[in-house]
């Protein structure tokens, strides 16, 4: 398993990019928000080209994939099927309708499992 980190900057709601690979090589299966996490919800943006990002939808409901009740410094399982069409992802604090800017730089660790 790989555990890359992305940072949501102070005053921002969306992280930098985490590259998953073009097959995809890796599947996001979990995440941990550090002690600076300012919100209790998380959602994601995904891209197939690294330039254009879109809200990630849940494969079962067709609605934005968001998780309420995110607790800082706790491992949160992710539904990897939602990311199979993504080569790149970004983490958003809050949702697309209600993003939450962080009051300090927040580091999010993603757990990625090899696809093979």
N, C-alpha and C. Protein backbone atom coordinates (compact mmCIF):
# COMPACT_ATOMS: atom_id res chain seq x y z
N UNK A 1 0.84 -1.18 0.00
CA UNK A 1 0.00 0.00 0.00
C UNK A 1 0.87 1.24 0.00
N UNK A 2 0.38 2.27 -0.66
CA UNK A 2 1.07 3.54 -0.68
C UNK A 2 0.25 4.54 0.11
N UNK A 3 0.92 5.53 0.71
CA UNK A 3 0.24 6.50 1.55
C UNK A 3 0.70 7.92 1.22
N UNK A 4 0.31 8.43 0.04
CA UNK A 4 0.68 9.81 -0.31
C UNK A 4 -0.12 10.81 0.52
N UNK A 5 0.40 12.01 0.63
CA UNK A 5 -0.32 13.08 1.32
C UNK A 5 -0.64 14.19 0.34
N UNK A 6 -1.73 14.88 0.63
CA UNK A 6 -2.09 16.10 -0.08
C UNK A 6 -2.38 17.14 0.99
N UNK A 7 -2.19 18.40 0.64
CA UNK A 7 -2.41 19.47 1.60
C UNK A 7 -3.52 20.39 1.11
N UNK A 8 -4.43 20.70 2.03
CA UNK A 8 -5.41 21.75 1.79
C UNK A 8 -4.83 22.99 2.45
N UNK A 9 -4.52 24.00 1.67
CA UNK A 9 -3.84 25.20 2.17
C UNK A 9 -4.74 26.00 3.10
N UNK A 10 -4.11 26.80 3.94
CA UNK A 10 -4.83 27.74 4.80
C UNK A 10 -5.72 28.62 3.92
N UNK A 11 -7.00 28.72 4.26
CA UNK A 11 -7.93 29.55 3.51
C UNK A 11 -8.49 28.90 2.26
N UNK A 12 -8.17 27.64 2.02
CA UNK A 12 -8.65 26.92 0.84
C UNK A 12 -9.51 25.73 1.28
N UNK A 13 -10.29 25.19 0.33
CA UNK A 13 -11.13 24.04 0.62
C UNK A 13 -10.73 22.80 -0.18
N UNK A 14 -9.88 22.98 -1.20
CA UNK A 14 -9.51 21.87 -2.08
C UNK A 14 -8.00 21.64 -1.99
N UNK A 15 -7.61 20.38 -1.93
CA UNK A 15 -6.20 20.00 -1.81
C UNK A 15 -5.47 20.10 -3.13
N UNK A 16 -4.18 19.84 -3.04
CA UNK A 16 -3.38 19.62 -4.22
C UNK A 16 -3.74 18.27 -4.82
N UNK A 17 -3.02 17.87 -5.85
CA UNK A 17 -3.35 16.68 -6.63
C UNK A 17 -2.66 15.43 -6.09
N UNK A 18 -3.39 14.34 -6.12
CA UNK A 18 -2.83 13.00 -5.89
C UNK A 18 -2.98 12.22 -7.18
N UNK A 19 -1.87 11.78 -7.76
CA UNK A 19 -1.89 11.02 -9.02
C UNK A 19 -2.12 9.55 -8.72
N UNK A 20 -3.12 8.96 -9.36
CA UNK A 20 -3.44 7.55 -9.16
C UNK A 20 -2.83 6.66 -10.22
N UNK A 21 -2.68 7.17 -11.44
CA UNK A 21 -2.14 6.38 -12.53
C UNK A 21 -3.19 6.16 -13.61
N UNK A 22 -2.76 5.72 -14.76
CA UNK A 22 -3.64 5.65 -15.91
C UNK A 22 -4.38 4.33 -16.08
N UNK A 23 -4.12 3.31 -15.29
CA UNK A 23 -4.82 2.03 -15.51
C UNK A 23 -6.13 1.90 -14.78
N UNK A 24 -6.52 2.40 -13.66
CA UNK A 24 -5.66 3.07 -12.70
C UNK A 24 -4.74 2.08 -12.01
N UNK A 25 -3.57 2.56 -11.64
CA UNK A 25 -2.60 1.72 -10.96
C UNK A 25 -2.96 1.52 -9.49
N UNK A 26 -3.58 2.53 -8.91
CA UNK A 26 -3.86 2.52 -7.48
C UNK A 26 -5.31 2.90 -7.22
N UNK A 27 -5.88 2.32 -6.18
CA UNK A 27 -7.25 2.63 -5.78
C UNK A 27 -7.23 3.28 -4.41
N UNK A 28 -7.88 4.43 -4.23
CA UNK A 28 -8.00 5.03 -2.90
C UNK A 28 -8.95 4.18 -2.05
N UNK A 29 -8.48 3.72 -0.92
CA UNK A 29 -9.30 2.88 -0.05
C UNK A 29 -9.49 3.48 1.34
N UNK A 30 -8.75 4.55 1.66
CA UNK A 30 -8.89 5.17 2.97
C UNK A 30 -8.20 6.51 3.03
N UNK A 31 -8.53 7.28 4.06
CA UNK A 31 -7.87 8.57 4.27
C UNK A 31 -7.87 8.91 5.75
N UNK A 32 -6.89 9.75 6.13
CA UNK A 32 -6.80 10.28 7.48
C UNK A 32 -6.55 11.77 7.38
N UNK A 33 -7.39 12.56 8.02
CA UNK A 33 -7.18 14.01 8.10
C UNK A 33 -6.40 14.30 9.38
N UNK A 34 -5.45 15.22 9.30
CA UNK A 34 -4.63 15.51 10.47
C UNK A 34 -5.40 16.32 11.52
N UNK A 35 -4.70 16.68 12.60
CA UNK A 35 -5.32 17.37 13.72
C UNK A 35 -5.83 18.77 13.37
N UNK A 36 -5.40 19.33 12.25
CA UNK A 36 -5.84 20.68 11.85
C UNK A 36 -7.17 20.67 11.11
N UNK A 37 -7.75 19.51 10.82
CA UNK A 37 -8.99 19.39 10.05
C UNK A 37 -10.10 20.23 10.67
N UNK A 38 -10.74 21.11 9.87
CA UNK A 38 -11.74 22.05 10.37
C UNK A 38 -13.18 21.68 10.06
N UNK A 39 -13.44 20.59 9.47
CA UNK A 39 -14.82 20.29 9.06
C UNK A 39 -15.15 18.84 9.31
N UNK A 40 -16.41 18.50 9.24
CA UNK A 40 -16.78 17.10 9.45
C UNK A 40 -17.32 16.43 8.20
N UNK A 41 -17.09 17.03 7.03
CA UNK A 41 -17.50 16.40 5.77
C UNK A 41 -16.34 16.45 4.78
N UNK A 42 -16.33 15.50 3.86
CA UNK A 42 -15.30 15.46 2.82
C UNK A 42 -15.95 15.05 1.51
N UNK A 43 -15.46 15.60 0.42
CA UNK A 43 -15.88 15.18 -0.92
C UNK A 43 -14.63 15.24 -1.80
N UNK A 44 -14.78 14.87 -3.06
CA UNK A 44 -13.62 14.71 -3.92
C UNK A 44 -13.86 15.29 -5.31
N UNK A 45 -12.78 15.70 -5.94
CA UNK A 45 -12.79 16.06 -7.35
C UNK A 45 -11.88 15.08 -8.07
N UNK A 46 -12.26 14.69 -9.27
CA UNK A 46 -11.46 13.74 -10.03
C UNK A 46 -11.19 14.25 -11.43
N UNK A 47 -10.12 13.72 -12.04
CA UNK A 47 -9.73 14.11 -13.38
C UNK A 47 -9.17 12.92 -14.13
N UNK A 48 -9.38 12.90 -15.44
CA UNK A 48 -8.77 11.87 -16.28
C UNK A 48 -7.57 12.42 -17.04
N UNK A 49 -7.37 13.77 -17.00
CA UNK A 49 -6.27 14.37 -17.75
C UNK A 49 -5.36 15.26 -16.91
N UNK A 50 -5.68 15.48 -15.65
CA UNK A 50 -4.86 16.31 -14.79
C UNK A 50 -5.08 17.80 -14.96
N UNK A 51 -5.96 18.18 -15.87
CA UNK A 51 -6.23 19.61 -16.12
C UNK A 51 -7.67 19.98 -15.78
N UNK A 52 -8.60 19.11 -16.08
CA UNK A 52 -10.01 19.37 -15.85
C UNK A 52 -10.51 18.49 -14.71
N UNK A 53 -11.05 19.12 -13.68
CA UNK A 53 -11.52 18.39 -12.50
C UNK A 53 -13.03 18.50 -12.37
N UNK A 54 -13.64 17.39 -11.95
CA UNK A 54 -15.08 17.29 -11.83
C UNK A 54 -15.41 16.68 -10.46
N UNK A 55 -16.61 16.98 -9.96
CA UNK A 55 -17.04 16.36 -8.72
C UNK A 55 -17.15 14.86 -8.93
N UNK A 56 -16.65 14.09 -7.98
CA UNK A 56 -16.74 12.63 -8.04
C UNK A 56 -18.13 12.23 -7.54
N UNK A 57 -18.81 11.42 -8.34
CA UNK A 57 -20.13 10.93 -7.97
C UNK A 57 -20.04 9.52 -7.40
N UNK A 58 -21.03 9.17 -6.59
CA UNK A 58 -21.12 7.83 -6.04
C UNK A 58 -21.69 6.90 -7.10
N UNK A 59 -21.06 5.76 -7.32
CA UNK A 59 -21.51 4.84 -8.37
C UNK A 59 -22.88 4.24 -8.08
N UNK A 60 -23.26 4.17 -6.83
CA UNK A 60 -24.56 3.58 -6.47
C UNK A 60 -25.70 4.59 -6.54
N UNK A 61 -25.49 5.80 -6.03
CA UNK A 61 -26.58 6.78 -5.96
C UNK A 61 -26.58 7.77 -7.12
N UNK A 62 -25.43 7.98 -7.77
CA UNK A 62 -25.33 8.99 -8.81
C UNK A 62 -25.23 10.40 -8.27
N UNK A 63 -25.18 10.54 -6.95
CA UNK A 63 -25.05 11.85 -6.29
C UNK A 63 -23.58 12.09 -5.94
N UNK A 64 -23.27 13.32 -5.60
CA UNK A 64 -21.90 13.65 -5.20
C UNK A 64 -21.45 12.71 -4.08
N UNK A 65 -20.25 12.15 -4.22
CA UNK A 65 -19.69 11.27 -3.20
C UNK A 65 -19.14 12.14 -2.09
N UNK A 66 -19.86 12.18 -1.00
CA UNK A 66 -19.41 12.94 0.17
C UNK A 66 -19.63 12.09 1.41
N UNK A 67 -18.81 12.34 2.40
CA UNK A 67 -18.88 11.58 3.64
C UNK A 67 -18.97 12.58 4.78
N UNK A 68 -20.07 12.52 5.52
CA UNK A 68 -20.25 13.39 6.69
C UNK A 68 -19.60 12.74 7.90
N UNK A 69 -19.31 13.53 8.88
CA UNK A 69 -18.80 12.99 10.13
C UNK A 69 -17.35 12.57 10.11
N UNK A 70 -16.53 13.19 9.24
CA UNK A 70 -15.11 12.86 9.20
C UNK A 70 -14.46 13.35 10.49
N UNK A 71 -13.77 12.46 11.18
CA UNK A 71 -13.12 12.78 12.44
C UNK A 71 -11.62 12.89 12.20
N UNK A 72 -11.01 13.97 12.66
CA UNK A 72 -9.58 14.13 12.45
C UNK A 72 -8.81 13.03 13.17
N UNK A 73 -7.72 12.64 12.54
CA UNK A 73 -6.81 11.62 13.05
C UNK A 73 -7.45 10.24 13.24
N UNK A 74 -8.46 9.94 12.41
CA UNK A 74 -9.09 8.61 12.40
C UNK A 74 -9.10 8.11 10.97
N UNK A 75 -8.91 6.81 10.78
CA UNK A 75 -8.90 6.21 9.44
C UNK A 75 -10.33 6.10 8.92
N UNK A 76 -10.56 6.70 7.75
CA UNK A 76 -11.86 6.70 7.11
C UNK A 76 -11.81 5.81 5.88
N UNK A 77 -12.58 4.73 5.83
CA UNK A 77 -12.60 3.89 4.63
C UNK A 77 -13.26 4.65 3.47
N UNK A 78 -12.76 4.43 2.25
CA UNK A 78 -13.33 5.04 1.05
C UNK A 78 -13.85 3.96 0.12
N UNK A 79 -14.90 4.27 -0.63
CA UNK A 79 -15.47 3.36 -1.62
C UNK A 79 -14.65 3.52 -2.90
N UNK A 80 -13.67 2.64 -3.12
CA UNK A 80 -12.72 2.80 -4.22
C UNK A 80 -13.38 2.79 -5.59
N UNK A 81 -14.54 2.14 -5.72
CA UNK A 81 -15.21 2.07 -7.02
C UNK A 81 -15.53 3.47 -7.57
N UNK A 82 -15.70 4.44 -6.70
CA UNK A 82 -16.01 5.81 -7.13
C UNK A 82 -14.84 6.48 -7.84
N UNK A 83 -13.65 5.93 -7.70
CA UNK A 83 -12.46 6.56 -8.25
C UNK A 83 -11.87 5.81 -9.46
N UNK A 84 -12.52 4.77 -9.92
CA UNK A 84 -11.95 3.95 -10.99
C UNK A 84 -11.78 4.70 -12.30
N UNK A 85 -12.53 5.76 -12.53
CA UNK A 85 -12.41 6.53 -13.77
C UNK A 85 -11.44 7.69 -13.62
N UNK A 86 -10.80 7.82 -12.47
CA UNK A 86 -9.91 8.96 -12.20
C UNK A 86 -8.44 8.57 -12.32
N UNK A 87 -7.66 9.44 -12.93
CA UNK A 87 -6.20 9.32 -12.90
C UNK A 87 -5.62 10.23 -11.83
N UNK A 88 -6.38 11.25 -11.46
CA UNK A 88 -5.96 12.23 -10.46
C UNK A 88 -7.15 12.56 -9.58
N UNK A 89 -6.89 12.81 -8.28
CA UNK A 89 -7.97 13.25 -7.40
C UNK A 89 -7.48 14.39 -6.51
N UNK A 90 -8.46 15.17 -6.05
CA UNK A 90 -8.25 16.21 -5.04
C UNK A 90 -9.27 15.97 -3.94
N UNK A 91 -8.90 16.33 -2.71
CA UNK A 91 -9.78 16.20 -1.56
C UNK A 91 -10.37 17.57 -1.26
N UNK A 92 -11.68 17.61 -1.02
CA UNK A 92 -12.34 18.88 -0.68
C UNK A 92 -12.91 18.79 0.74
N UNK A 93 -12.66 19.80 1.55
CA UNK A 93 -13.34 19.87 2.84
C UNK A 93 -14.71 20.47 2.59
N UNK A 94 -15.75 19.75 3.03
CA UNK A 94 -17.12 20.14 2.73
C UNK A 94 -17.56 19.50 1.43
N UNK A 95 -18.59 20.06 0.83
CA UNK A 95 -19.15 19.55 -0.42
C UNK A 95 -19.04 20.62 -1.50
N UNK A 96 -19.41 20.27 -2.72
CA UNK A 96 -19.36 21.27 -3.80
C UNK A 96 -20.31 22.43 -3.51
N UNK A 97 -21.45 22.14 -2.89
CA UNK A 97 -22.42 23.19 -2.56
C UNK A 97 -22.00 23.99 -1.33
N UNK A 98 -21.23 23.38 -0.43
CA UNK A 98 -20.83 24.05 0.82
C UNK A 98 -19.38 23.72 1.16
N UNK A 99 -18.43 24.21 0.36
CA UNK A 99 -17.02 23.96 0.70
C UNK A 99 -16.65 24.70 1.99
N UNK A 100 -15.72 24.13 2.73
CA UNK A 100 -15.28 24.73 3.99
C UNK A 100 -13.79 25.04 3.90
N UNK A 101 -13.46 26.33 3.90
CA UNK A 101 -12.05 26.71 3.87
C UNK A 101 -11.39 26.34 5.19
N UNK A 102 -10.18 25.84 5.12
CA UNK A 102 -9.43 25.46 6.31
C UNK A 102 -8.81 26.69 6.96
N UNK A 103 -8.75 26.69 8.30
CA UNK A 103 -8.19 27.83 9.03
C UNK A 103 -6.68 27.69 9.20
N UNK A 104 -6.13 26.59 8.74
CA UNK A 104 -4.69 26.36 8.73
C UNK A 104 -4.41 25.28 7.71
N UNK A 105 -3.17 25.13 7.30
CA UNK A 105 -2.83 24.07 6.34
C UNK A 105 -3.18 22.71 6.94
N UNK A 106 -3.89 21.90 6.20
CA UNK A 106 -4.35 20.59 6.67
C UNK A 106 -3.79 19.51 5.76
N UNK A 107 -3.15 18.53 6.34
CA UNK A 107 -2.57 17.42 5.58
C UNK A 107 -3.52 16.22 5.64
N UNK A 108 -3.82 15.68 4.48
CA UNK A 108 -4.66 14.49 4.38
C UNK A 108 -3.80 13.37 3.80
N UNK A 109 -3.76 12.25 4.51
CA UNK A 109 -3.03 11.07 4.04
C UNK A 109 -4.03 10.13 3.40
N UNK A 110 -3.74 9.73 2.17
CA UNK A 110 -4.59 8.79 1.45
C UNK A 110 -3.95 7.41 1.48
N UNK A 111 -4.75 6.39 1.64
CA UNK A 111 -4.28 5.02 1.57
C UNK A 111 -4.66 4.49 0.20
N UNK A 112 -3.66 4.11 -0.59
CA UNK A 112 -3.89 3.61 -1.93
C UNK A 112 -3.45 2.15 -2.02
N UNK A 113 -4.32 1.30 -2.54
CA UNK A 113 -4.01 -0.12 -2.69
C UNK A 113 -3.73 -0.41 -4.15
N UNK A 114 -2.71 -1.22 -4.41
CA UNK A 114 -2.39 -1.63 -5.78
C UNK A 114 -3.58 -2.30 -6.42
N UNK A 115 -3.83 -1.97 -7.67
CA UNK A 115 -4.97 -2.53 -8.40
C UNK A 115 -4.75 -4.01 -8.73
N UNK A 116 -3.50 -4.43 -8.85
CA UNK A 116 -3.23 -5.79 -9.27
C UNK A 116 -3.23 -6.82 -8.22
